[in-house]
């Protein structure tokens, strides 16, 4: 567990020299702590751990998986795909199609859409989606960089989003109708790629125009939501809203903009930070035993790029 107070301590001299008020991670972003995997845990191992647990809970054997989709943003190398390592770790069959699908924080929701299409068209019977993210390396590198005497207040704010990240893993099994399963109704997506440079990152650094990303992301969400309502989706009356977890500001403003009751939005960012693509499925898992059969759950997210996506589940 890595607290925001600890990060403030590491950057105390820089904050004082640059005139930056400490405590912003908690007071503004609302992130009290986040997790780091043990140093030896790789991203594919984190994804595989989640995948193994999902298969066990679903009662699905590795040999039954026809398609594996890895949505991890974090990668140790460009090739081979993270999916290859996860496929091996889980002992999936040689006939199981496996590949990476990357779209920043929306990757998991997009993979659900792809998985559903594969099942509907008969390309697969059972699809396993996995994600493994780790923030240790990025945050240690960011802290070290901001501790340098040449770091400015502009550097602090440009790299502030890096400090909100959190490690995590998530997985989901999708298949045809079965006892105890939930219905995936599909959803929508909207792009505003003119803003693709508002947040650009790799394992060492992530530079973000935080204000610009918030403003343009909210505008895209409003546009996507209105278009969905016009298309017949009844998303103003869902029972639960599971949002990509970025910060307190993003969550509150998105709810205000779309007229969503905050009481219907489970929160994980205070204790886990922004877990990227793992955030939506992980947050859903925290309330899974509280959702009544027949309830409508809307999964929502805005990803750097910019892209916005939403998908509805019937529990």
C-alpha atoms as a PDB file:
ATOM      1  CA  UNK A   1       0.000   0.000   0.000  1.00  0.00           C
ATOM      2  CA  UNK A   2       1.464   3.354  -1.080  1.00  0.00           C
ATOM      3  CA  UNK A   3      -0.152   6.387   0.504  1.00  0.00           C
ATOM      4  CA  UNK A   4      -0.447   9.813  -1.041  1.00  0.00           C
ATOM      5  CA  UNK A   5       1.046  11.177   2.184  1.00  0.00           C
ATOM      6  CA  UNK A   6       4.206   9.136   1.481  1.00  0.00           C
ATOM      7  CA  UNK A   7       4.452  10.572  -2.041  1.00  0.00           C
ATOM      8  CA  UNK A   8       4.069  14.065  -0.568  1.00  0.00           C
ATOM      9  CA  UNK A   9       6.983  13.316   1.766  1.00  0.00           C
ATOM     10  CA  UNK A  10       9.180  12.217  -1.156  1.00  0.00           C
ATOM     11  CA  UNK A  11       8.457  15.451  -2.994  1.00  0.00           C
ATOM     12  CA  UNK A  12       8.392  17.820   0.001  1.00  0.00           C
ATOM     13  CA  UNK A  13      11.492  19.777  -1.065  1.00  0.00           C
ATOM     14  CA  UNK A  14      10.279  20.119  -4.649  1.00  0.00           C
ATOM     15  CA  UNK A  15       6.828  21.263  -3.537  1.00  0.00           C
ATOM     16  CA  UNK A  16       8.311  23.881  -1.223  1.00  0.00           C
ATOM     17  CA  UNK A  17      10.780  25.145  -3.820  1.00  0.00           C
ATOM     18  CA  UNK A  18       8.136  25.328  -6.556  1.00  0.00           C
ATOM     19  CA  UNK A  19       5.378  26.736  -4.380  1.00  0.00           C
ATOM     20  CA  UNK A  20       3.140  23.679  -4.836  1.00  0.00           C
ATOM     21  CA  UNK A  21       0.741  22.946  -2.006  1.00  0.00           C
ATOM     22  CA  UNK A  22       1.230  19.401  -0.637  1.00  0.00           C
ATOM     23  CA  UNK A  23      -1.798  17.189  -0.189  1.00  0.00           C
ATOM     24  CA  UNK A  24      -3.289  17.704  -3.665  1.00  0.00           C
ATOM     25  CA  UNK A  25      -3.461  13.958  -4.319  1.00  0.00           C
ATOM     26  CA  UNK A  26      -5.863  13.606  -1.415  1.00  0.00           C
ATOM     27  CA  UNK A  27      -7.650  16.951  -1.307  1.00  0.00           C
ATOM     28  CA  UNK A  28      -8.197  17.370  -5.055  1.00  0.00           C
ATOM     29  CA  UNK A  29      -7.871  13.927  -6.634  1.00  0.00           C
ATOM     30  CA  UNK A  30      -9.378  12.185  -3.609  1.00  0.00           C
ATOM     31  CA  UNK A  31      -6.785   9.402  -3.767  1.00  0.00           C
ATOM     32  CA  UNK A  32      -5.649   8.364  -0.296  1.00  0.00           C
ATOM     33  CA  UNK A  33      -3.580   5.358  -1.317  1.00  0.00           C
ATOM     34  CA  UNK A  34      -2.845   2.970  -4.134  1.00  0.00           C
ATOM     35  CA  UNK A  35      -1.283  -0.490  -4.429  1.00  0.00           C
ATOM     36  CA  UNK A  36       1.978  -1.715  -5.948  1.00  0.00           C
ATOM     37  CA  UNK A  37       2.576  -5.313  -6.912  1.00  0.00           C
ATOM     38  CA  UNK A  38       5.613  -6.950  -5.311  1.00  0.00           C
ATOM     39  CA  UNK A  39       8.640  -5.940  -7.367  1.00  0.00           C
ATOM     40  CA  UNK A  40       9.054  -9.381  -8.953  1.00  0.00           C
ATOM     41  CA  UNK A  41       5.465  -9.556 -10.271  1.00  0.00           C
ATOM     42  CA  UNK A  42       5.277  -8.890 -14.006  1.00  0.00           C
ATOM     43  CA  UNK A  43       2.306  -7.364 -15.814  1.00  0.00           C
ATOM     44  CA  UNK A  44       1.472 -10.630 -17.566  1.00  0.00           C
ATOM     45  CA  UNK A  45       1.670 -12.487 -14.244  1.00  0.00           C
ATOM     46  CA  UNK A  46      -0.802 -10.020 -12.723  1.00  0.00           C
ATOM     47  CA  UNK A  47      -3.146 -10.524 -15.674  1.00  0.00           C
ATOM     48  CA  UNK A  48      -2.791 -14.309 -15.458  1.00  0.00           C
ATOM     49  CA  UNK A  49      -3.554 -14.309 -11.717  1.00  0.00           C
ATOM     50  CA  UNK A  50      -6.784 -12.457 -12.427  1.00  0.00           C
ATOM     51  CA  UNK A  51      -7.576 -14.782 -15.352  1.00  0.00           C
ATOM     52  CA  UNK A  52      -7.063 -17.881 -13.246  1.00  0.00           C
ATOM     53  CA  UNK A  53      -9.375 -16.554 -10.555  1.00  0.00           C
ATOM     54  CA  UNK A  54     -12.065 -15.643 -13.098  1.00  0.00           C
ATOM     55  CA  UNK A  55     -11.968 -19.117 -14.642  1.00  0.00           C
ATOM     56  CA  UNK A  56     -12.273 -20.723 -11.212  1.00  0.00           C
ATOM     57  CA  UNK A  57     -15.251 -18.575 -10.231  1.00  0.00           C
ATOM     58  CA  UNK A  58     -16.970 -19.212 -13.567  1.00  0.00           C
ATOM     59  CA  UNK A  59     -16.331 -22.952 -13.389  1.00  0.00           C
ATOM     60  CA  UNK A  60     -14.625 -22.877 -16.789  1.00  0.00           C
ATOM     61  CA  UNK A  61     -11.629 -25.075 -17.572  1.00  0.00           C
ATOM     62  CA  UNK A  62      -8.650 -23.546 -19.449  1.00  0.00           C
ATOM     63  CA  UNK A  63      -9.307 -25.987 -22.296  1.00  0.00           C
ATOM     64  CA  UNK A  64     -12.750 -24.420 -22.822  1.00  0.00           C
ATOM     65  CA  UNK A  65     -11.420 -20.940 -23.637  1.00  0.00           C
ATOM     66  CA  UNK A  66     -11.591 -20.195 -27.362  1.00  0.00           C
ATOM     67  CA  UNK A  67     -10.342 -16.619 -27.285  1.00  0.00           C
ATOM     68  CA  UNK A  68      -8.053 -14.688 -24.937  1.00  0.00           C
ATOM     69  CA  UNK A  69      -7.910 -10.881 -25.088  1.00  0.00           C
ATOM     70  CA  UNK A  70      -5.317  -9.001 -23.040  1.00  0.00           C
ATOM     71  CA  UNK A  71      -6.078  -5.317 -22.503  1.00  0.00           C
ATOM     72  CA  UNK A  72      -3.068  -4.284 -20.409  1.00  0.00           C
ATOM     73  CA  UNK A  73      -1.668  -0.824 -21.033  1.00  0.00           C
ATOM     74  CA  UNK A  74       1.500  -1.764 -19.146  1.00  0.00           C
ATOM     75  CA  UNK A  75       3.937  -3.865 -21.167  1.00  0.00           C
ATOM     76  CA  UNK A  76       7.550  -4.822 -20.583  1.00  0.00           C
ATOM     77  CA  UNK A  77       8.258  -4.998 -24.323  1.00  0.00           C
ATOM     78  CA  UNK A  78       6.665  -4.287 -27.694  1.00  0.00           C
ATOM     79  CA  UNK A  79       6.503  -7.919 -28.760  1.00  0.00           C
ATOM     80  CA  UNK A  80       5.392 -10.587 -28.354  1.00  0.00           C
ATOM     81  CA  UNK A  81       1.956  -9.664 -27.052  1.00  0.00           C
ATOM     82  CA  UNK A  82       1.143  -9.826 -23.358  1.00  0.00           C
ATOM     83  CA  UNK A  83      -1.551 -12.324 -24.362  1.00  0.00           C
ATOM     84  CA  UNK A  84       1.111 -14.864 -25.364  1.00  0.00           C
ATOM     85  CA  UNK A  85       2.586 -14.933 -21.856  1.00  0.00           C
ATOM     86  CA  UNK A  86      -0.856 -15.047 -20.225  1.00  0.00           C
ATOM     87  CA  UNK A  87      -1.920 -17.860 -22.571  1.00  0.00           C
ATOM     88  CA  UNK A  88       1.133 -19.859 -21.496  1.00  0.00           C
ATOM     89  CA  UNK A  89       0.729 -19.137 -17.783  1.00  0.00           C
ATOM     90  CA  UNK A  90      -2.915 -20.261 -17.833  1.00  0.00           C
ATOM     91  CA  UNK A  91      -2.246 -23.378 -19.877  1.00  0.00           C
ATOM     92  CA  UNK A  92      -4.805 -22.486 -22.540  1.00  0.00           C
ATOM     93  CA  UNK A  93      -5.182 -24.745 -25.559  1.00  0.00           C
ATOM     94  CA  UNK A  94      -3.260 -24.331 -28.837  1.00  0.00           C
ATOM     95  CA  UNK A  95      -6.518 -23.607 -30.673  1.00  0.00           C
ATOM     96  CA  UNK A  96      -7.269 -20.611 -28.398  1.00  0.00           C
ATOM     97  CA  UNK A  97      -6.914 -17.360 -30.359  1.00  0.00           C
ATOM     98  CA  UNK A  98      -4.968 -14.838 -28.294  1.00  0.00           C
ATOM     99  CA  UNK A  99      -4.082 -11.200 -28.841  1.00  0.00           C
ATOM    100  CA  UNK A 100      -3.671  -7.800 -27.211  1.00  0.00           C
ATOM    101  CA  UNK A 101      -6.262  -5.068 -27.527  1.00  0.00           C
ATOM    102  CA  UNK A 102      -5.061  -1.653 -26.466  1.00  0.00           C
ATOM    103  CA  UNK A 103      -7.092   1.518 -26.131  1.00  0.00           C
ATOM    104  CA  UNK A 104      -5.800   3.232 -23.009  1.00  0.00           C
ATOM    105  CA  UNK A 105      -8.284   2.983 -20.123  1.00  0.00           C
ATOM    106  CA  UNK A 106     -11.112   1.760 -22.368  1.00  0.00           C
ATOM    107  CA  UNK A 107      -9.383  -1.443 -23.473  1.00  0.00           C
ATOM    108  CA  UNK A 108     -11.377  -3.778 -21.231  1.00  0.00           C
ATOM    109  CA  UNK A 109     -14.776  -2.397 -22.255  1.00  0.00           C
ATOM    110  CA  UNK A 110     -13.727  -2.552 -25.922  1.00  0.00           C
ATOM    111  CA  UNK A 111     -12.636  -6.173 -25.420  1.00  0.00           C
ATOM    112  CA  UNK A 112     -16.074  -6.993 -24.059  1.00  0.00           C
ATOM    113  CA  UNK A 113     -17.564  -5.612 -27.269  1.00  0.00           C
ATOM    114  CA  UNK A 114     -15.150  -7.643 -29.406  1.00  0.00           C
ATOM    115  CA  UNK A 115     -15.738 -10.764 -27.331  1.00  0.00           C
ATOM    116  CA  UNK A 116     -19.500 -10.419 -27.649  1.00  0.00           C
ATOM    117  CA  UNK A 117     -19.219 -10.073 -31.422  1.00  0.00           C
ATOM    118  CA  UNK A 118     -17.015 -13.173 -31.596  1.00  0.00           C
ATOM    119  CA  UNK A 119     -19.585 -15.161 -29.644  1.00  0.00           C
ATOM    120  CA  UNK A 120     -22.539 -13.835 -31.635  1.00  0.00           C
ATOM    121  CA  UNK A 121     -20.874 -14.694 -34.953  1.00  0.00           C
ATOM    122  CA  UNK A 122     -19.819 -18.153 -33.834  1.00  0.00           C
ATOM    123  CA  UNK A 123     -16.098 -17.376 -33.813  1.00  0.00           C
ATOM    124  CA  UNK A 124     -15.868 -18.334 -30.146  1.00  0.00           C
ATOM    125  CA  UNK A 125     -17.928 -19.972 -27.449  1.00  0.00           C
ATOM    126  CA  UNK A 126     -15.979 -18.761 -24.426  1.00  0.00           C
ATOM    127  CA  UNK A 127     -13.878 -15.586 -24.269  1.00  0.00           C
ATOM    128  CA  UNK A 128     -11.491 -14.680 -21.459  1.00  0.00           C
ATOM    129  CA  UNK A 129     -10.551 -11.008 -21.053  1.00  0.00           C
ATOM    130  CA  UNK A 130      -7.635 -10.116 -18.773  1.00  0.00           C
ATOM    131  CA  UNK A 131      -5.790  -7.026 -17.638  1.00  0.00           C
ATOM    132  CA  UNK A 132      -2.730  -6.433 -15.475  1.00  0.00           C
ATOM    133  CA  UNK A 133      -1.417  -2.961 -14.598  1.00  0.00           C
ATOM    134  CA  UNK A 134       1.470  -1.829 -12.427  1.00  0.00           C
ATOM    135  CA  UNK A 135       2.329   1.695 -11.296  1.00  0.00           C
ATOM    136  CA  UNK A 136       5.491   1.029  -9.246  1.00  0.00           C
ATOM    137  CA  UNK A 137       8.050   1.723 -12.001  1.00  0.00           C
ATOM    138  CA  UNK A 138       6.269   4.775 -13.397  1.00  0.00           C
ATOM    139  CA  UNK A 139       5.740   6.397 -10.029  1.00  0.00           C
ATOM    140  CA  UNK A 140       9.258   5.768  -8.758  1.00  0.00           C
ATOM    141  CA  UNK A 141      10.668   7.211 -11.996  1.00  0.00           C
ATOM    142  CA  UNK A 142       8.347  10.212 -11.739  1.00  0.00           C
ATOM    143  CA  UNK A 143       9.257  10.875  -8.117  1.00  0.00           C
ATOM    144  CA  UNK A 144      12.966  10.663  -8.918  1.00  0.00           C
ATOM    145  CA  UNK A 145      12.576  13.015 -11.872  1.00  0.00           C
ATOM    146  CA  UNK A 146      10.584  15.577  -9.869  1.00  0.00           C
ATOM    147  CA  UNK A 147      13.125  15.514  -7.036  1.00  0.00           C
ATOM    148  CA  UNK A 148      15.785  16.921  -9.328  1.00  0.00           C
ATOM    149  CA  UNK A 149      16.702  20.577  -8.657  1.00  0.00           C
ATOM    150  CA  UNK A 150      15.788  21.447 -12.243  1.00  0.00           C
ATOM    151  CA  UNK A 151      12.141  20.340 -11.801  1.00  0.00           C
ATOM    152  CA  UNK A 152       9.634  23.178 -12.062  1.00  0.00           C
ATOM    153  CA  UNK A 153       6.040  23.660 -10.951  1.00  0.00           C
ATOM    154  CA  UNK A 154       5.058  23.118 -14.569  1.00  0.00           C
ATOM    155  CA  UNK A 155       6.780  19.717 -14.480  1.00  0.00           C
ATOM    156  CA  UNK A 156       4.927  18.796 -11.291  1.00  0.00           C
ATOM    157  CA  UNK A 157       1.516  19.554 -12.753  1.00  0.00           C
ATOM    158  CA  UNK A 158       2.310  17.987 -16.133  1.00  0.00           C
ATOM    159  CA  UNK A 159       3.274  14.731 -14.401  1.00  0.00           C
ATOM    160  CA  UNK A 160       0.716  14.902 -11.585  1.00  0.00           C
ATOM    161  CA  UNK A 161      -1.527  12.293 -13.228  1.00  0.00           C
ATOM    162  CA  UNK A 162       1.302   9.741 -13.026  1.00  0.00           C
ATOM    163  CA  UNK A 163       1.059   9.935  -9.249  1.00  0.00           C
ATOM    164  CA  UNK A 164      -2.656   9.052  -9.292  1.00  0.00           C
ATOM    165  CA  UNK A 165      -2.071   5.655 -10.919  1.00  0.00           C
ATOM    166  CA  UNK A 166      -2.540   2.381  -9.090  1.00  0.00           C
ATOM    167  CA  UNK A 167      -1.674  -1.258  -9.720  1.00  0.00           C
ATOM    168  CA  UNK A 168      -4.347  -3.869 -10.271  1.00  0.00           C
ATOM    169  CA  UNK A 169      -5.574  -6.857 -12.212  1.00  0.00           C
ATOM    170  CA  UNK A 170      -8.963  -7.928 -13.501  1.00  0.00           C
ATOM    171  CA  UNK A 171     -10.487 -10.609 -15.692  1.00  0.00           C
ATOM    172  CA  UNK A 172     -13.865 -11.628 -17.074  1.00  0.00           C
ATOM    173  CA  UNK A 173     -15.271 -14.749 -18.687  1.00  0.00           C
ATOM    174  CA  UNK A 174     -17.797 -14.189 -21.463  1.00  0.00           C
ATOM    175  CA  UNK A 175     -19.846 -16.962 -23.033  1.00  0.00           C
ATOM    176  CA  UNK A 176     -23.202 -17.953 -24.422  1.00  0.00           C
ATOM    177  CA  UNK A 177     -26.332 -18.321 -22.255  1.00  0.00           C
ATOM    178  CA  UNK A 178     -25.608 -20.279 -19.082  1.00  0.00           C
ATOM    179  CA  UNK A 179     -26.966 -20.541 -15.572  1.00  0.00           C
ATOM    180  CA  UNK A 180     -25.882 -17.664 -13.385  1.00  0.00           C
ATOM    181  CA  UNK A 181     -24.631 -15.590 -16.298  1.00  0.00           C
ATOM    182  CA  UNK A 182     -25.380 -11.945 -16.956  1.00  0.00           C
ATOM    183  CA  UNK A 183     -26.547 -10.406 -20.221  1.00  0.00           C
ATOM    184  CA  UNK A 184     -24.290  -8.088 -22.193  1.00  0.00           C
ATOM    185  CA  UNK A 185     -26.503  -5.790 -24.252  1.00  0.00           C
ATOM    186  CA  UNK A 186     -23.725  -3.890 -26.008  1.00  0.00           C
ATOM    187  CA  UNK A 187     -23.298  -0.164 -26.023  1.00  0.00           C
ATOM    188  CA  UNK A 188     -21.722   2.743 -27.802  1.00  0.00           C
ATOM    189  CA  UNK A 189     -18.447   4.566 -28.327  1.00  0.00           C
ATOM    190  CA  UNK A 190     -17.471   8.037 -29.469  1.00  0.00           C
ATOM    191  CA  UNK A 191     -14.137   9.457 -30.610  1.00  0.00           C
ATOM    192  CA  UNK A 192     -12.539  12.894 -30.517  1.00  0.00           C
ATOM    193  CA  UNK A 193      -9.047  11.970 -31.641  1.00  0.00           C
ATOM    194  CA  UNK A 194      -8.138  15.576 -32.393  1.00  0.00           C
ATOM    195  CA  UNK A 195      -7.240  15.550 -28.684  1.00  0.00           C
ATOM    196  CA  UNK A 196      -4.931  12.517 -28.858  1.00  0.00           C
ATOM    197  CA  UNK A 197      -1.975  14.476 -27.453  1.00  0.00           C
ATOM    198  CA  UNK A 198      -3.595  15.628 -24.198  1.00  0.00           C
ATOM    199  CA  UNK A 199      -2.223  12.600 -22.335  1.00  0.00           C
ATOM    200  CA  UNK A 200       0.809  10.713 -23.621  1.00  0.00           C
ATOM    201  CA  UNK A 201       2.720   8.186 -21.575  1.00  0.00           C
ATOM    202  CA  UNK A 202       5.001   5.185 -21.383  1.00  0.00           C
ATOM    203  CA  UNK A 203       6.443   3.194 -18.506  1.00  0.00           C
ATOM    204  CA  UNK A 204       8.848   5.982 -17.535  1.00  0.00           C
ATOM    205  CA  UNK A 205       6.705   9.085 -17.781  1.00  0.00           C
ATOM    206  CA  UNK A 206       3.199  10.298 -18.466  1.00  0.00           C
ATOM    207  CA  UNK A 207       2.595  13.932 -19.331  1.00  0.00           C
ATOM    208  CA  UNK A 208      -0.968  15.158 -19.106  1.00  0.00           C
ATOM    209  CA  UNK A 209      -2.807  18.393 -19.747  1.00  0.00           C
ATOM    210  CA  UNK A 210      -5.055  17.689 -16.783  1.00  0.00           C
ATOM    211  CA  UNK A 211      -7.436  20.602 -17.249  1.00  0.00           C
ATOM    212  CA  UNK A 212      -7.680  20.065 -20.994  1.00  0.00           C
ATOM    213  CA  UNK A 213      -8.255  16.336 -20.608  1.00  0.00           C
ATOM    214  CA  UNK A 214     -11.048  16.949 -18.104  1.00  0.00           C
ATOM    215  CA  UNK A 215     -12.755  19.604 -20.226  1.00  0.00           C
ATOM    216  CA  UNK A 216     -12.574  17.754 -23.538  1.00  0.00           C
ATOM    217  CA  UNK A 217     -13.340  14.382 -21.946  1.00  0.00           C
ATOM    218  CA  UNK A 218     -16.510  15.683 -20.297  1.00  0.00           C
ATOM    219  CA  UNK A 219     -17.638  17.307 -23.534  1.00  0.00           C
ATOM    220  CA  UNK A 220     -17.156  13.988 -25.379  1.00  0.00           C
ATOM    221  CA  UNK A 221     -19.039  12.102 -22.660  1.00  0.00           C
ATOM    222  CA  UNK A 222     -21.967  14.500 -22.933  1.00  0.00           C
ATOM    223  CA  UNK A 223     -22.027  14.067 -26.695  1.00  0.00           C
ATOM    224  CA  UNK A 224     -21.840  10.268 -26.469  1.00  0.00           C
ATOM    225  CA  UNK A 225     -24.522  10.064 -23.775  1.00  0.00           C
ATOM    226  CA  UNK A 226     -26.942  12.299 -25.680  1.00  0.00           C
ATOM    227  CA  UNK A 227     -26.408  10.340 -28.896  1.00  0.00           C
ATOM    228  CA  UNK A 228     -27.075   7.082 -27.043  1.00  0.00           C
ATOM    229  CA  UNK A 229     -30.331   8.391 -25.596  1.00  0.00           C
ATOM    230  CA  UNK A 230     -31.370   9.490 -29.079  1.00  0.00           C
ATOM    231  CA  UNK A 231     -30.631   5.961 -30.313  1.00  0.00           C
ATOM    232  CA  UNK A 232     -33.024   4.483 -27.755  1.00  0.00           C
ATOM    233  CA  UNK A 233     -30.748   3.521 -24.857  1.00  0.00           C
ATOM    234  CA  UNK A 234     -32.468   4.279 -21.538  1.00  0.00           C
ATOM    235  CA  UNK A 235     -29.366   5.108 -19.581  1.00  0.00           C
ATOM    236  CA  UNK A 236     -30.859   7.761 -17.329  1.00  0.00           C
ATOM    237  CA  UNK A 237     -32.646   5.045 -15.316  1.00  0.00           C
ATOM    238  CA  UNK A 238     -29.957   2.408 -14.734  1.00  0.00           C
ATOM    239  CA  UNK A 239     -29.655   0.866 -11.284  1.00  0.00           C
ATOM    240  CA  UNK A 240     -25.855   1.084 -11.077  1.00  0.00           C
ATOM    241  CA  UNK A 241     -23.228   3.160 -12.849  1.00  0.00           C
ATOM    242  CA  UNK A 242     -19.723   1.691 -12.860  1.00  0.00           C
ATOM    243  CA  UNK A 243     -17.367   4.395 -14.063  1.00  0.00           C
ATOM    244  CA  UNK A 244     -13.707   4.353 -14.924  1.00  0.00           C
ATOM    245  CA  UNK A 245     -12.053   5.592 -11.762  1.00  0.00           C
ATOM    246  CA  UNK A 246      -9.768   8.578 -12.320  1.00  0.00           C
ATOM    247  CA  UNK A 247     -10.275  10.990  -9.427  1.00  0.00           C
ATOM    248  CA  UNK A 248     -12.856  12.692  -7.248  1.00  0.00           C
ATOM    249  CA  UNK A 249     -13.039  15.679  -9.594  1.00  0.00           C
ATOM    250  CA  UNK A 250     -13.619  13.593 -12.724  1.00  0.00           C
ATOM    251  CA  UNK A 251     -16.227  11.397 -11.060  1.00  0.00           C
ATOM    252  CA  UNK A 252     -18.184  14.234  -9.470  1.00  0.00           C
ATOM    253  CA  UNK A 253     -18.217  16.400 -12.586  1.00  0.00           C
ATOM    254  CA  UNK A 254     -19.231  13.500 -14.842  1.00  0.00           C
ATOM    255  CA  UNK A 255     -22.125  12.625 -12.548  1.00  0.00           C
ATOM    256  CA  UNK A 256     -23.247  16.263 -12.436  1.00  0.00           C
ATOM    257  CA  UNK A 257     -23.013  16.561 -16.210  1.00  0.00           C
ATOM    258  CA  UNK A 258     -25.020  13.402 -16.943  1.00  0.00           C
ATOM    259  CA  UNK A 259     -27.454  13.703 -14.049  1.00  0.00           C
ATOM    260  CA  UNK A 260     -26.242  10.504 -12.385  1.00  0.00           C
ATOM    261  CA  UNK A 261     -26.887  10.039  -8.671  1.00  0.00           C
ATOM    262  CA  UNK A 262     -23.500   9.626  -6.961  1.00  0.00           C
ATOM    263  CA  UNK A 263     -25.117   7.133  -4.576  1.00  0.00           C
ATOM    264  CA  UNK A 264     -25.399   4.708  -7.523  1.00  0.00           C
ATOM    265  CA  UNK A 265     -21.669   4.968  -8.344  1.00  0.00           C
ATOM    266  CA  UNK A 266     -19.315   2.622  -6.440  1.00  0.00           C
ATOM    267  CA  UNK A 267     -15.932   4.228  -5.772  1.00  0.00           C
ATOM    268  CA  UNK A 268     -12.548   2.521  -5.758  1.00  0.00           C
ATOM    269  CA  UNK A 269     -10.165   5.373  -6.606  1.00  0.00           C
ATOM    270  CA  UNK A 270      -9.708   6.517  -2.955  1.00  0.00           C
ATOM    271  CA  UNK A 271      -7.950   3.263  -2.037  1.00  0.00           C
ATOM    272  CA  UNK A 272      -6.647   2.034  -5.376  1.00  0.00           C
ATOM    273  CA  UNK A 273      -6.061   5.094  -7.560  1.00  0.00           C
ATOM    274  CA  UNK A 274      -6.498   4.999 -11.323  1.00  0.00           C
ATOM    275  CA  UNK A 275      -5.965   1.345 -12.326  1.00  0.00           C
ATOM    276  CA  UNK A 276      -6.398   2.020 -16.055  1.00  0.00           C
ATOM    277  CA  UNK A 277      -8.376  -0.648 -17.950  1.00  0.00           C
ATOM    278  CA  UNK A 278      -8.620  -2.749 -14.783  1.00  0.00           C
ATOM    279  CA  UNK A 279     -10.658  -0.051 -13.019  1.00  0.00           C
ATOM    280  CA  UNK A 280     -14.093  -0.752 -14.539  1.00  0.00           C
ATOM    281  CA  UNK A 281     -14.082  -4.565 -14.109  1.00  0.00           C
ATOM    282  CA  UNK A 282     -12.452  -4.356 -10.670  1.00  0.00           C
ATOM    283  CA  UNK A 283     -14.987  -1.783  -9.466  1.00  0.00           C
ATOM    284  CA  UNK A 284     -17.797  -3.960 -10.816  1.00  0.00           C
ATOM    285  CA  UNK A 285     -16.418  -6.923  -8.866  1.00  0.00           C
ATOM    286  CA  UNK A 286     -16.595  -4.981  -5.591  1.00  0.00           C
ATOM    287  CA  UNK A 287     -20.386  -4.716  -5.812  1.00  0.00           C
ATOM    288  CA  UNK A 288     -21.170  -7.947  -7.691  1.00  0.00           C
ATOM    289  CA  UNK A 289     -22.699  -9.614  -4.626  1.00  0.00           C
ATOM    290  CA  UNK A 290     -24.905  -6.572  -3.981  1.00  0.00           C
ATOM    291  CA  UNK A 291     -26.537  -6.387  -7.424  1.00  0.00           C
ATOM    292  CA  UNK A 292     -29.982  -7.991  -7.621  1.00  0.00           C
ATOM    293  CA  UNK A 293     -30.997 -10.143 -10.596  1.00  0.00           C
ATOM    294  CA  UNK A 294     -32.539  -8.010 -13.327  1.00  0.00           C
ATOM    295  CA  UNK A 295     -30.780  -4.807 -12.315  1.00  0.00           C
ATOM    296  CA  UNK A 296     -29.302  -2.721 -15.117  1.00  0.00           C
ATOM    297  CA  UNK A 297     -25.637  -1.811 -14.827  1.00  0.00           C
ATOM    298  CA  UNK A 298     -23.971   0.762 -17.071  1.00  0.00           C
ATOM    299  CA  UNK A 299     -20.206   0.521 -17.553  1.00  0.00           C
ATOM    300  CA  UNK A 300     -18.702   3.873 -18.544  1.00  0.00           C
ATOM    301  CA  UNK A 301     -15.303   5.287 -19.343  1.00  0.00           C
ATOM    302  CA  UNK A 302     -13.297   8.018 -21.028  1.00  0.00           C
ATOM    303  CA  UNK A 303      -9.836   7.134 -22.281  1.00  0.00           C
ATOM    304  CA  UNK A 304      -6.994   9.304 -23.480  1.00  0.00           C
ATOM    305  CA  UNK A 305      -7.058   9.499 -27.199  1.00  0.00           C
ATOM    306  CA  UNK A 306      -9.830  10.766 -26.734  1.00  0.00           C
ATOM    307  CA  UNK A 307     -12.390   7.973 -26.743  1.00  0.00           C
ATOM    308  CA  UNK A 308     -15.545   7.428 -24.740  1.00  0.00           C
ATOM    309  CA  UNK A 309     -17.422   4.139 -24.350  1.00  0.00           C
ATOM    310  CA  UNK A 310     -20.361   2.703 -22.442  1.00  0.00           C
ATOM    311  CA  UNK A 311     -21.924  -0.747 -22.262  1.00  0.00           C
ATOM    312  CA  UNK A 312     -25.004  -2.068 -20.481  1.00  0.00           C
ATOM    313  CA  UNK A 313     -25.334  -5.277 -18.497  1.00  0.00           C
ATOM    314  CA  UNK A 314     -28.476  -6.974 -17.202  1.00  0.00           C
ATOM    315  CA  UNK A 315     -27.604  -8.805 -13.987  1.00  0.00           C
END
